[in-house]
Protein backbone atom coordinates (compact mmCIF):
# COMPACT_ATOMS: atom_id res chain seq x y z
CA MET A 1 -10.87 -22.35 -87.23
CA LYS A 2 -14.32 -23.92 -86.73
CA ASN A 3 -16.58 -26.64 -88.08
CA LEU A 4 -19.01 -24.69 -90.28
CA THR A 5 -21.18 -27.75 -90.88
CA PHE A 6 -21.77 -28.08 -87.15
CA PHE A 7 -22.82 -24.45 -86.75
CA LEU A 8 -25.05 -24.41 -89.85
CA LYS A 9 -26.68 -27.75 -89.04
CA ASN A 10 -27.48 -26.90 -85.42
CA GLN A 11 -28.44 -23.25 -86.00
CA LEU A 12 -27.11 -22.18 -82.62
CA ILE A 13 -29.14 -19.44 -80.94
CA ASP A 14 -26.74 -18.94 -78.03
CA HIS A 15 -23.52 -17.31 -79.20
CA GLY A 16 -21.83 -17.31 -75.82
CA GLU A 17 -22.66 -13.76 -74.70
CA GLY A 18 -22.73 -14.89 -71.08
CA LEU A 19 -19.14 -16.08 -71.32
CA PHE A 20 -17.96 -12.47 -71.44
CA ASP A 21 -19.73 -11.67 -68.16
CA HIS A 22 -17.24 -14.00 -66.47
CA LEU A 23 -14.19 -12.36 -68.02
CA PRO A 24 -13.20 -9.44 -65.75
CA GLY A 25 -14.25 -6.09 -67.20
CA PHE A 26 -15.19 -7.33 -70.68
CA LEU A 27 -18.01 -5.68 -72.62
CA TYR A 28 -19.31 -7.64 -75.62
CA PHE A 29 -21.59 -6.62 -78.48
CA VAL A 30 -22.71 -7.47 -81.99
CA LYS A 31 -24.24 -4.86 -84.33
CA ASP A 32 -25.89 -5.36 -87.70
CA THR A 33 -24.89 -3.38 -90.79
CA LYS A 34 -27.19 -0.54 -89.70
CA LEU A 35 -25.22 -0.47 -86.43
CA ARG A 36 -28.15 -1.68 -84.33
CA PHE A 37 -27.38 -3.92 -81.37
CA VAL A 38 -28.36 -7.52 -82.07
CA SER A 39 -26.47 -9.10 -79.17
CA ALA A 40 -24.67 -7.95 -76.02
CA ASN A 41 -23.61 -9.21 -72.63
CA SER A 42 -25.19 -8.20 -69.33
CA ARG A 43 -22.23 -6.07 -68.28
CA LEU A 44 -22.62 -3.82 -71.33
CA ALA A 45 -26.35 -3.47 -70.64
CA LYS A 46 -25.61 -2.38 -67.08
CA LYS A 47 -22.95 0.09 -68.23
CA LEU A 48 -25.40 1.67 -70.66
CA GLY A 49 -28.02 2.06 -67.95
CA VAL A 50 -30.54 -0.64 -68.87
CA THR A 51 -31.54 -3.72 -66.91
CA SER A 52 -30.96 -6.41 -69.53
CA PRO A 53 -29.30 -6.97 -72.92
CA GLU A 54 -32.76 -7.32 -74.49
CA GLU A 55 -33.33 -3.60 -73.91
CA LEU A 56 -30.36 -2.82 -76.17
CA LEU A 57 -31.68 -4.76 -79.16
CA GLY A 58 -32.56 -2.54 -82.11
CA LYS A 59 -30.93 0.52 -80.54
CA THR A 60 -27.67 2.17 -81.58
CA ASP A 61 -24.87 4.01 -79.81
CA GLN A 62 -26.74 7.24 -80.58
CA ASN A 63 -29.27 6.21 -77.91
CA PHE A 64 -26.64 6.05 -75.19
CA PHE A 65 -23.69 8.33 -75.98
CA PRO A 66 -23.22 12.01 -76.88
CA PRO A 67 -23.19 12.60 -80.66
CA GLY A 68 -19.43 13.04 -81.05
CA GLN A 69 -18.61 9.84 -79.23
CA ALA A 70 -21.38 7.83 -80.90
CA ASN A 71 -20.19 9.04 -84.31
CA ALA A 72 -16.63 7.96 -83.52
CA TYR A 73 -17.81 4.46 -82.60
CA ALA A 74 -19.95 4.33 -85.75
CA LYS A 75 -16.99 5.35 -87.90
CA ASP A 76 -14.95 2.40 -86.63
CA ASP A 77 -17.90 0.01 -86.99
CA LEU A 78 -18.51 1.05 -90.59
CA LEU A 79 -14.83 0.75 -91.46
CA VAL A 80 -14.82 -2.86 -90.25
CA ILE A 81 -18.07 -3.62 -92.10
CA GLU A 82 -17.06 -1.92 -95.35
CA THR A 83 -13.52 -3.29 -95.54
CA GLY A 84 -14.11 -6.68 -93.95
CA GLN A 85 -10.95 -6.08 -91.93
CA PRO A 86 -10.71 -6.33 -88.13
CA MET A 87 -9.59 -3.54 -85.81
CA TYR A 88 -7.43 -4.79 -82.97
CA ASN A 89 -6.69 -3.25 -79.56
CA LYS A 90 -7.63 0.38 -80.17
CA VAL A 91 -6.94 2.34 -76.99
CA GLU A 92 -9.58 4.97 -76.25
CA LEU A 93 -11.09 6.94 -73.39
CA VAL A 94 -14.52 5.63 -72.37
CA PRO A 95 -16.94 7.40 -69.95
CA ARG A 96 -17.45 5.70 -66.58
CA GLY A 97 -20.03 8.13 -65.23
CA LYS A 98 -19.97 11.18 -62.94
CA GLY A 99 -17.34 12.82 -65.12
CA PHE A 100 -14.82 10.02 -64.87
CA VAL A 101 -13.25 8.36 -67.88
CA ASP A 102 -11.34 5.10 -68.17
CA TRP A 103 -8.82 3.90 -70.69
CA SER A 104 -10.17 0.90 -72.58
CA THR A 105 -8.97 -1.39 -75.34
CA THR A 106 -11.47 -2.16 -78.10
CA THR A 107 -11.31 -4.90 -80.72
CA LYS A 108 -13.85 -5.24 -83.55
CA ILE A 109 -14.17 -7.96 -86.18
CA PRO A 110 -16.47 -8.48 -89.17
CA LEU A 111 -18.95 -11.38 -89.15
CA PHE A 112 -19.59 -13.10 -92.47
CA ASN A 113 -22.51 -15.20 -93.71
CA SER A 114 -22.13 -18.44 -95.68
CA GLU A 115 -21.79 -16.42 -98.90
CA GLY A 116 -18.85 -14.44 -97.57
CA LYS A 117 -20.81 -11.22 -97.09
CA VAL A 118 -20.28 -9.07 -93.99
CA ILE A 119 -23.53 -9.09 -92.02
CA ALA A 120 -22.42 -7.67 -88.68
CA VAL A 121 -19.59 -6.35 -86.56
CA ALA A 122 -18.71 -8.00 -83.24
CA GLY A 123 -16.55 -6.42 -80.61
CA THR A 124 -15.16 -6.42 -77.12
CA THR A 125 -14.07 -3.56 -74.92
CA ARG A 126 -12.00 -4.17 -71.82
CA PRO A 127 -10.10 -2.11 -69.26
CA PHE A 128 -6.78 -1.05 -70.76
CA SER A 129 -4.67 -3.18 -68.40
CA THR A 130 -6.79 -6.34 -68.71
CA GLY A 131 -5.33 -8.91 -71.04
CA THR A 132 -2.40 -6.74 -72.07
CA SER A 133 1.19 -7.13 -71.01
CA ALA A 134 1.49 -6.22 -67.35
CA ILE A 135 3.48 -3.03 -67.02
CA ASP A 136 4.48 -1.72 -63.61
CA ILE A 137 7.33 0.08 -61.93
CA HIS A 138 9.40 -3.11 -61.99
CA SER A 139 9.16 -3.60 -65.75
CA GLU A 140 11.66 -2.38 -68.33
CA LEU A 141 9.42 0.58 -69.14
CA GLY A 142 8.36 1.10 -65.53
CA ALA A 143 10.60 4.06 -64.66
CA ALA A 144 9.63 5.87 -67.85
CA LEU A 145 5.92 5.23 -67.27
CA LYS A 146 6.20 6.47 -63.69
CA ALA A 147 7.80 9.68 -64.95
CA MET A 148 5.08 10.13 -67.57
CA HIS A 149 2.27 9.72 -65.05
CA GLU A 150 3.90 12.08 -62.56
CA ARG A 151 5.08 14.71 -65.06
CA PHE A 152 2.68 14.57 -68.02
CA ALA A 153 2.03 18.31 -67.64
CA GLU A 154 5.70 19.00 -68.29
CA ASN A 155 7.50 18.80 -71.60
CA VAL A 156 9.05 15.40 -70.90
CA ARG A 157 11.29 14.49 -73.81
CA VAL A 158 11.44 11.03 -75.32
CA THR A 159 15.23 11.12 -74.98
CA GLU A 160 14.84 11.40 -71.20
CA LEU A 161 12.25 8.62 -71.09
CA ALA A 162 14.46 6.33 -73.16
CA LYS A 163 17.36 6.99 -70.80
CA LEU A 164 15.18 6.04 -67.81
CA ALA A 165 14.45 2.74 -69.54
CA ASN A 166 18.14 2.23 -70.43
CA LEU A 167 17.21 1.95 -74.09
CA SER A 168 18.02 3.79 -77.27
CA ILE A 169 15.29 6.14 -78.48
CA SER A 170 14.30 3.82 -81.33
CA ALA A 171 14.23 0.73 -79.09
CA PHE A 172 12.22 2.57 -76.44
CA GLU A 173 9.64 3.82 -78.93
CA ARG A 174 9.38 0.38 -80.53
CA LYS A 175 8.88 -1.46 -77.23
CA PHE A 176 6.52 1.21 -75.91
CA LYS A 177 4.26 1.00 -78.96
CA LYS A 178 4.32 -2.79 -78.93
CA GLN A 179 3.12 -2.95 -75.33
CA LEU A 180 0.79 0.05 -75.17
CA HIS A 181 -0.39 0.29 -78.79
CA MET A 182 0.52 3.98 -79.05
CA THR A 183 3.62 6.15 -79.14
CA PRO A 184 5.04 7.79 -75.98
CA ARG A 185 3.80 11.21 -77.14
CA GLN A 186 0.31 9.86 -77.79
CA TYR A 187 0.30 8.30 -74.33
CA ILE A 188 1.18 11.63 -72.73
CA ARG A 189 -1.57 13.36 -74.72
CA HIS A 190 -4.08 10.82 -73.42
CA LEU A 191 -2.85 11.34 -69.85
CA ARG A 192 -3.40 15.08 -70.22
CA VAL A 193 -6.92 14.65 -71.57
CA HIS A 194 -7.72 12.12 -68.84
CA ASP A 195 -6.73 14.67 -66.20
CA ALA A 196 -8.59 17.46 -68.01
CA CYS A 197 -11.80 15.40 -68.02
CA TYR A 198 -11.70 15.17 -64.24
CA LYS A 199 -10.94 18.86 -63.78
CA LEU A 200 -13.71 19.91 -66.18
CA SER A 201 -16.35 17.90 -64.36
CA HIS A 202 -15.17 18.33 -60.77
CA SER A 203 -13.95 21.92 -60.54
CA ASP A 204 -14.90 25.45 -61.53
CA GLU A 205 -11.43 26.17 -62.87
CA SER A 206 -11.39 28.14 -66.12
CA LEU A 207 -10.53 26.46 -69.41
CA ALA A 208 -7.37 28.55 -69.55
CA GLY A 209 -6.41 27.37 -66.07
CA ILE A 210 -7.06 23.72 -66.88
CA SER A 211 -5.15 24.10 -70.13
CA ALA A 212 -2.08 25.37 -68.30
CA ALA A 213 -2.37 22.83 -65.47
CA CYS A 214 -2.48 19.94 -67.94
CA GLY A 215 0.57 21.12 -69.86
CA TYR A 216 -0.90 22.66 -73.01
CA VAL A 217 0.79 25.57 -74.77
CA ASP A 218 -2.45 27.53 -74.87
CA GLN A 219 -6.21 27.11 -74.66
CA SER A 220 -6.71 26.62 -78.40
CA HIS A 221 -4.17 23.78 -78.42
CA PHE A 222 -5.98 22.24 -75.45
CA SER A 223 -9.34 22.47 -77.20
CA ARG A 224 -8.03 20.86 -80.39
CA GLU A 225 -6.37 17.95 -78.58
CA PHE A 226 -9.34 17.42 -76.26
CA SER A 227 -11.81 17.40 -79.16
CA ARG A 228 -9.67 15.03 -81.20
CA ILE A 229 -9.53 12.44 -78.43
CA THR A 230 -13.01 12.78 -76.87
CA ASN A 231 -14.99 13.96 -79.93
CA GLU A 232 -16.41 16.95 -78.06
CA THR A 233 -15.07 20.32 -76.95
CA PRO A 234 -13.98 20.94 -73.36
CA LEU A 235 -16.98 23.25 -72.86
CA GLN A 236 -19.41 20.65 -74.23
CA TYR A 237 -17.90 18.04 -71.93
CA ARG A 238 -18.21 20.30 -68.90
CA LYS A 239 -21.81 21.31 -69.69
CA ARG A 240 -22.89 17.72 -70.26
CA HIS A 241 -21.46 16.47 -66.99
CA ARG A 242 -22.68 19.48 -65.04
CA ALA A 243 -26.17 18.83 -66.42
CA LYS A 244 -25.97 15.25 -65.15
CA THR A 245 -25.03 16.29 -61.64
CA THR A 246 -27.81 18.88 -61.39
CA SER A 247 -30.57 16.74 -62.92
């Protein structure tokens, strides 16, 4: 809730971008309906390789990310703009540089003008653990999470994970999704892709070898899952990060 008269009367030019630089790990942005940056915090500018937020203005994700990833971001932006509905806490893998990827949580909301028309999309991206329920080995889900991180390459069954948490399968799945915003199987798939990203960019292991090491049935299954989550094929990912290290 806010006092619209106050905002309209004073025509504020500072929308608090700097506030997000003092929230650990937060990236903040606003894009117009053509998906061009119109506002951002300094941390996002640094992450995208420019010296100040002003250098982002008028540019789009296409200027900073590979096509598949930029298109995925654009798809979410357009959905928020076209429907006028927010997107809360989407967990996704985000590049950190040098072939590393991090899990992040992204929230996007529509911004309306005085006539009720969507004129922009605003969003924040933060490290997955920041601002979410703390989950560690001492929590109710801790033993199951530990097993998933240690054995994601195996066919760990949900029944076994539920037993580790001393919960029924339905209760385990419900609590898991509530706290991590994805199902146990989705979480394992993300763990596998996370590990594959590192292997692709930091080793010469074959795609078949990486596929087996990360727990995939075969290379084609690996390629499909990897592409679905990262929006590029394993080979494209490897070539792009190898090009960065040799340039």
